[in-house]
Amino acid sequence: MIDETVLNGKTKNNLKYLNLLSRQYSTINEASTEIINLQAILNLPKGTEHFLTDIHGEYEPFIHVLKNASGVIKQKIEDVFGNTLTQSDKKSLATLIYYPEQKLDIVLKQEKI
């Protein structure tokens, strides 16, 4: 054990953090890997943020922006289904996600015909 009376404030602080890390990670390699992973997570792209103003009387466009997540849902459909669905099927799926009640009504009516 290190005699803490000879340590300066910064070294004491570092030792405190190292002791905390040693409780959760048994090796330097494990701790280093976790630090690298956490730093990578911090550098991931941030989600889209929207600040909407002056929406008085603009209920439908506002709701559409909310329901389609500003295009994120459409992009996710493209990422997941890529070339396995036609553009028409992807558009139909997106509409089902945005407006499930209305789209299901349309699909059910088409099936009755």
N, C-alpha and C. Protein backbone atom coordinates (compact mmCIF):
# COMPACT_ATOMS: atom_id res chain seq x y z
N MET A 1 0.84 -1.19 0.00
CA MET A 1 0.00 0.00 0.00
C MET A 1 0.88 1.24 0.00
N ILE A 2 0.41 2.27 -0.64
CA ILE A 2 1.17 3.52 -0.75
C ILE A 2 0.88 4.39 0.46
N ASP A 3 1.94 5.02 0.99
CA ASP A 3 1.77 5.95 2.11
C ASP A 3 1.15 7.23 1.56
N GLU A 4 -0.10 7.46 1.90
CA GLU A 4 -0.85 8.59 1.32
C GLU A 4 -0.37 9.94 1.82
N THR A 5 0.43 9.98 2.86
CA THR A 5 0.92 11.27 3.37
C THR A 5 1.90 11.92 2.40
N VAL A 6 2.55 11.13 1.53
CA VAL A 6 3.52 11.69 0.59
C VAL A 6 2.90 12.04 -0.76
N LEU A 7 1.64 11.74 -0.93
CA LEU A 7 0.99 12.01 -2.21
C LEU A 7 0.46 13.43 -2.27
N ASN A 8 0.55 14.05 -3.45
CA ASN A 8 -0.07 15.36 -3.61
C ASN A 8 -1.54 15.18 -3.93
N GLY A 9 -2.29 16.25 -4.02
CA GLY A 9 -3.74 16.20 -4.23
C GLY A 9 -4.14 15.50 -5.52
N LYS A 10 -3.43 15.79 -6.60
CA LYS A 10 -3.77 15.19 -7.89
C LYS A 10 -3.53 13.68 -7.87
N THR A 11 -2.43 13.28 -7.31
CA THR A 11 -2.11 11.86 -7.23
C THR A 11 -3.12 11.13 -6.35
N LYS A 12 -3.52 11.77 -5.24
CA LYS A 12 -4.53 11.16 -4.37
C LYS A 12 -5.84 10.97 -5.11
N ASN A 13 -6.20 11.97 -5.89
CA ASN A 13 -7.43 11.91 -6.67
C ASN A 13 -7.36 10.78 -7.70
N ASN A 14 -6.23 10.68 -8.40
CA ASN A 14 -6.04 9.61 -9.37
C ASN A 14 -6.09 8.24 -8.71
N LEU A 15 -5.45 8.13 -7.55
CA LEU A 15 -5.45 6.86 -6.82
C LEU A 15 -6.87 6.47 -6.41
N LYS A 16 -7.64 7.47 -6.02
CA LYS A 16 -9.04 7.22 -5.66
C LYS A 16 -9.80 6.60 -6.83
N TYR A 17 -9.63 7.17 -8.01
CA TYR A 17 -10.32 6.65 -9.20
C TYR A 17 -9.79 5.27 -9.60
N LEU A 18 -8.49 5.08 -9.48
CA LEU A 18 -7.91 3.78 -9.81
C LEU A 18 -8.44 2.70 -8.86
N ASN A 19 -8.58 3.02 -7.59
CA ASN A 19 -9.13 2.06 -6.64
C ASN A 19 -10.58 1.72 -6.99
N LEU A 20 -11.35 2.73 -7.38
CA LEU A 20 -12.74 2.48 -7.79
C LEU A 20 -12.80 1.60 -9.04
N LEU A 21 -11.94 1.88 -10.00
CA LEU A 21 -11.89 1.06 -11.21
C LEU A 21 -11.50 -0.38 -10.90
N SER A 22 -10.57 -0.55 -9.96
CA SER A 22 -10.10 -1.90 -9.65
C SER A 22 -11.19 -2.76 -9.01
N ARG A 23 -12.18 -2.13 -8.43
CA ARG A 23 -13.30 -2.90 -7.86
C ARG A 23 -14.15 -3.55 -8.94
N GLN A 24 -14.27 -2.86 -10.08
CA GLN A 24 -15.14 -3.35 -11.15
C GLN A 24 -14.37 -4.09 -12.24
N TYR A 25 -13.11 -3.75 -12.44
CA TYR A 25 -12.31 -4.35 -13.51
C TYR A 25 -11.04 -4.93 -12.92
N SER A 26 -10.84 -6.21 -13.14
CA SER A 26 -9.73 -6.90 -12.48
C SER A 26 -8.37 -6.65 -13.13
N THR A 27 -8.37 -6.21 -14.39
CA THR A 27 -7.09 -5.95 -15.06
C THR A 27 -7.10 -4.57 -15.70
N ILE A 28 -5.90 -4.09 -15.98
CA ILE A 28 -5.77 -2.80 -16.66
C ILE A 28 -6.40 -2.89 -18.05
N ASN A 29 -6.25 -4.03 -18.69
CA ASN A 29 -6.81 -4.22 -20.03
C ASN A 29 -8.33 -4.11 -20.01
N GLU A 30 -8.98 -4.72 -19.03
CA GLU A 30 -10.45 -4.62 -18.93
C GLU A 30 -10.89 -3.18 -18.71
N ALA A 31 -10.21 -2.47 -17.82
CA ALA A 31 -10.56 -1.07 -17.55
C ALA A 31 -10.32 -0.22 -18.80
N SER A 32 -9.22 -0.45 -19.47
CA SER A 32 -8.90 0.31 -20.69
C SER A 32 -9.95 0.07 -21.78
N THR A 33 -10.35 -1.18 -21.94
CA THR A 33 -11.36 -1.52 -22.94
C THR A 33 -12.67 -0.81 -22.65
N GLU A 34 -13.07 -0.80 -21.39
CA GLU A 34 -14.31 -0.12 -21.01
C GLU A 34 -14.22 1.38 -21.26
N ILE A 35 -13.09 1.98 -20.93
CA ILE A 35 -12.89 3.42 -21.16
C ILE A 35 -12.98 3.73 -22.65
N ILE A 36 -12.36 2.89 -23.48
CA ILE A 36 -12.41 3.09 -24.93
C ILE A 36 -13.84 2.97 -25.43
N ASN A 37 -14.58 1.97 -24.95
CA ASN A 37 -15.98 1.79 -25.36
C ASN A 37 -16.82 2.99 -24.97
N LEU A 38 -16.65 3.49 -23.77
CA LEU A 38 -17.43 4.64 -23.32
C LEU A 38 -17.09 5.89 -24.11
N GLN A 39 -15.81 6.07 -24.44
CA GLN A 39 -15.42 7.22 -25.27
C GLN A 39 -16.03 7.11 -26.66
N ALA A 40 -16.06 5.89 -27.21
CA ALA A 40 -16.68 5.68 -28.52
C ALA A 40 -18.16 6.02 -28.48
N ILE A 41 -18.84 5.61 -27.42
CA ILE A 41 -20.27 5.92 -27.28
C ILE A 41 -20.49 7.43 -27.24
N LEU A 42 -19.63 8.14 -26.53
CA LEU A 42 -19.76 9.60 -26.46
C LEU A 42 -19.58 10.26 -27.82
N ASN A 43 -18.85 9.60 -28.72
CA ASN A 43 -18.58 10.18 -30.04
C ASN A 43 -19.59 9.75 -31.10
N LEU A 44 -20.58 8.94 -30.72
CA LEU A 44 -21.61 8.56 -31.69
C LEU A 44 -22.42 9.78 -32.09
N PRO A 45 -22.96 9.75 -33.30
CA PRO A 45 -23.79 10.90 -33.72
C PRO A 45 -25.00 11.05 -32.82
N LYS A 46 -25.35 12.26 -32.57
CA LYS A 46 -26.51 12.55 -31.73
C LYS A 46 -27.78 12.45 -32.57
N GLY A 47 -28.88 12.18 -31.90
CA GLY A 47 -30.17 12.11 -32.58
C GLY A 47 -30.60 13.48 -33.07
N THR A 48 -31.53 13.46 -33.97
CA THR A 48 -32.05 14.71 -34.52
C THR A 48 -32.93 15.40 -33.49
N GLU A 49 -32.72 16.68 -33.33
CA GLU A 49 -33.56 17.49 -32.45
C GLU A 49 -34.25 18.54 -33.30
N HIS A 50 -35.51 18.75 -33.01
CA HIS A 50 -36.26 19.78 -33.72
C HIS A 50 -36.86 20.73 -32.70
N PHE A 51 -36.82 21.98 -33.03
CA PHE A 51 -37.45 22.99 -32.22
C PHE A 51 -38.48 23.67 -33.12
N LEU A 52 -39.74 23.36 -32.88
CA LEU A 52 -40.81 23.88 -33.72
C LEU A 52 -41.45 25.08 -33.03
N THR A 53 -41.61 26.12 -33.79
CA THR A 53 -42.25 27.30 -33.25
C THR A 53 -43.37 27.73 -34.19
N ASP A 54 -44.22 28.61 -33.69
CA ASP A 54 -45.29 29.19 -34.48
C ASP A 54 -46.14 28.10 -35.15
N ILE A 55 -46.58 27.14 -34.34
CA ILE A 55 -47.37 26.03 -34.88
C ILE A 55 -48.87 26.25 -34.72
N HIS A 56 -49.27 27.45 -34.34
CA HIS A 56 -50.69 27.74 -34.16
C HIS A 56 -51.45 27.49 -35.45
N GLY A 57 -52.45 26.64 -35.36
CA GLY A 57 -53.26 26.34 -36.53
C GLY A 57 -52.60 25.37 -37.50
N GLU A 58 -51.46 24.82 -37.13
CA GLU A 58 -50.73 23.90 -38.02
C GLU A 58 -50.67 22.51 -37.41
N TYR A 59 -51.81 22.04 -36.93
CA TYR A 59 -51.86 20.76 -36.23
C TYR A 59 -51.41 19.60 -37.12
N GLU A 60 -51.96 19.49 -38.33
CA GLU A 60 -51.66 18.36 -39.20
C GLU A 60 -50.17 18.28 -39.56
N PRO A 61 -49.55 19.37 -40.03
CA PRO A 61 -48.11 19.28 -40.33
C PRO A 61 -47.27 18.96 -39.08
N PHE A 62 -47.67 19.51 -37.95
CA PHE A 62 -46.95 19.26 -36.71
C PHE A 62 -47.03 17.78 -36.34
N ILE A 63 -48.21 17.21 -36.39
CA ILE A 63 -48.40 15.80 -36.06
C ILE A 63 -47.63 14.92 -37.05
N HIS A 64 -47.63 15.32 -38.32
CA HIS A 64 -46.89 14.53 -39.32
C HIS A 64 -45.39 14.50 -38.99
N VAL A 65 -44.84 15.63 -38.61
CA VAL A 65 -43.42 15.68 -38.23
C VAL A 65 -43.16 14.76 -37.05
N LEU A 66 -44.05 14.76 -36.08
CA LEU A 66 -43.90 13.88 -34.92
C LEU A 66 -44.01 12.41 -35.32
N LYS A 67 -45.02 12.08 -36.11
CA LYS A 67 -45.26 10.68 -36.46
C LYS A 67 -44.17 10.09 -37.34
N ASN A 68 -43.61 10.87 -38.23
CA ASN A 68 -42.58 10.30 -39.11
C ASN A 68 -41.18 10.48 -38.54
N ALA A 69 -41.10 11.04 -37.33
CA ALA A 69 -39.81 11.21 -36.64
C ALA A 69 -38.79 11.92 -37.54
N SER A 70 -39.27 12.88 -38.27
CA SER A 70 -38.43 13.69 -39.15
C SER A 70 -37.63 12.87 -40.14
N GLY A 71 -38.23 11.80 -40.63
CA GLY A 71 -37.58 10.98 -41.64
C GLY A 71 -36.74 9.84 -41.08
N VAL A 72 -36.59 9.77 -39.77
CA VAL A 72 -35.77 8.73 -39.17
C VAL A 72 -36.40 7.35 -39.40
N ILE A 73 -37.71 7.26 -39.32
CA ILE A 73 -38.39 5.97 -39.52
C ILE A 73 -38.17 5.49 -40.95
N LYS A 74 -38.31 6.38 -41.90
CA LYS A 74 -38.10 6.02 -43.31
C LYS A 74 -36.67 5.52 -43.52
N GLN A 75 -35.70 6.18 -42.92
CA GLN A 75 -34.31 5.77 -43.04
C GLN A 75 -34.07 4.41 -42.39
N LYS A 76 -34.71 4.18 -41.24
CA LYS A 76 -34.58 2.89 -40.56
C LYS A 76 -35.16 1.76 -41.41
N ILE A 77 -36.31 2.02 -42.03
CA ILE A 77 -36.91 1.02 -42.93
C ILE A 77 -35.93 0.71 -44.05
N GLU A 78 -35.32 1.72 -44.61
CA GLU A 78 -34.34 1.53 -45.69
C GLU A 78 -33.15 0.72 -45.19
N ASP A 79 -32.65 1.04 -44.00
CA ASP A 79 -31.50 0.33 -43.44
C ASP A 79 -31.82 -1.15 -43.18
N VAL A 80 -33.02 -1.40 -42.65
CA VAL A 80 -33.39 -2.77 -42.28
C VAL A 80 -33.76 -3.61 -43.50
N PHE A 81 -34.56 -3.04 -44.40
CA PHE A 81 -35.09 -3.84 -45.49
C PHE A 81 -34.34 -3.67 -46.81
N GLY A 82 -33.59 -2.58 -46.94
CA GLY A 82 -32.75 -2.38 -48.12
C GLY A 82 -33.38 -2.82 -49.42
N ASN A 83 -32.80 -3.85 -50.02
CA ASN A 83 -33.27 -4.36 -51.32
C ASN A 83 -34.28 -5.50 -51.19
N THR A 84 -34.69 -5.83 -49.95
CA THR A 84 -35.62 -6.95 -49.79
C THR A 84 -37.07 -6.54 -50.00
N LEU A 85 -37.36 -5.25 -49.95
CA LEU A 85 -38.71 -4.74 -50.23
C LEU A 85 -38.64 -3.77 -51.39
N THR A 86 -39.72 -3.68 -52.12
CA THR A 86 -39.80 -2.68 -53.20
C THR A 86 -40.00 -1.31 -52.56
N GLN A 87 -39.75 -0.28 -53.35
CA GLN A 87 -39.96 1.08 -52.86
C GLN A 87 -41.42 1.27 -52.43
N SER A 88 -42.33 0.70 -53.21
CA SER A 88 -43.75 0.81 -52.89
C SER A 88 -44.07 0.14 -51.55
N ASP A 89 -43.49 -1.04 -51.32
CA ASP A 89 -43.72 -1.74 -50.05
C ASP A 89 -43.12 -0.97 -48.87
N LYS A 90 -41.95 -0.38 -49.08
CA LYS A 90 -41.32 0.42 -48.01
C LYS A 90 -42.17 1.64 -47.69
N LYS A 91 -42.70 2.27 -48.74
CA LYS A 91 -43.56 3.44 -48.53
C LYS A 91 -44.83 3.04 -47.79
N SER A 92 -45.40 1.91 -48.15
CA SER A 92 -46.60 1.41 -47.50
C SER A 92 -46.33 1.09 -46.03
N LEU A 93 -45.20 0.47 -45.76
CA LEU A 93 -44.83 0.16 -44.38
C LEU A 93 -44.65 1.43 -43.56
N ALA A 94 -44.00 2.42 -44.15
CA ALA A 94 -43.80 3.69 -43.46
C ALA A 94 -45.14 4.33 -43.13
N THR A 95 -46.06 4.31 -44.07
CA THR A 95 -47.39 4.87 -43.83
C THR A 95 -48.11 4.10 -42.73
N LEU A 96 -47.95 2.80 -42.71
CA LEU A 96 -48.55 1.99 -41.64
C LEU A 96 -48.00 2.38 -40.28
N ILE A 97 -46.71 2.66 -40.23
CA ILE A 97 -46.09 3.07 -38.96
C ILE A 97 -46.55 4.48 -38.56
N TYR A 98 -46.60 5.40 -39.53
CA TYR A 98 -46.99 6.78 -39.24
C TYR A 98 -48.46 6.89 -38.84
N TYR A 99 -49.30 6.21 -39.59
CA TYR A 99 -50.76 6.34 -39.43
C TYR A 99 -51.40 4.95 -39.37
N PRO A 100 -51.18 4.19 -38.30
CA PRO A 100 -51.64 2.79 -38.27
C PRO A 100 -53.15 2.63 -38.42
N GLU A 101 -53.94 3.46 -37.74
CA GLU A 101 -55.40 3.29 -37.82
C GLU A 101 -55.91 3.51 -39.23
N GLN A 102 -55.50 4.62 -39.82
CA GLN A 102 -55.97 4.96 -41.16
C GLN A 102 -55.49 3.94 -42.20
N LYS A 103 -54.24 3.51 -42.10
CA LYS A 103 -53.69 2.57 -43.07
C LYS A 103 -54.36 1.21 -42.95
N LEU A 104 -54.62 0.75 -41.73
CA LEU A 104 -55.30 -0.52 -41.54
C LEU A 104 -56.72 -0.48 -42.11
N ASP A 105 -57.41 0.64 -41.94
CA ASP A 105 -58.73 0.79 -42.53
C ASP A 105 -58.67 0.65 -44.05
N ILE A 106 -57.69 1.28 -44.68
CA ILE A 106 -57.54 1.21 -46.13
C ILE A 106 -57.24 -0.23 -46.55
N VAL A 107 -56.33 -0.88 -45.86
CA VAL A 107 -55.97 -2.27 -46.20
C VAL A 107 -57.17 -3.18 -46.06
N LEU A 108 -57.92 -3.04 -44.99
CA LEU A 108 -59.11 -3.89 -44.77
C LEU A 108 -60.16 -3.65 -45.85
N LYS A 109 -60.36 -2.41 -46.24
CA LYS A 109 -61.31 -2.10 -47.31
C LYS A 109 -60.87 -2.71 -48.63
N GLN A 110 -59.57 -2.66 -48.93
CA GLN A 110 -59.06 -3.24 -50.17
C GLN A 110 -59.20 -4.75 -50.18
N GLU A 111 -59.06 -5.38 -49.03
CA GLU A 111 -59.19 -6.83 -48.96
C GLU A 111 -60.64 -7.29 -49.19
N LYS A 112 -61.59 -6.43 -48.84
CA LYS A 112 -63.01 -6.77 -49.03
C LYS A 112 -63.41 -6.71 -50.49
N ILE A 113 -62.68 -5.94 -51.27
CA ILE A 113 -63.03 -5.76 -52.70
C ILE A 113 -62.70 -6.97 -53.50
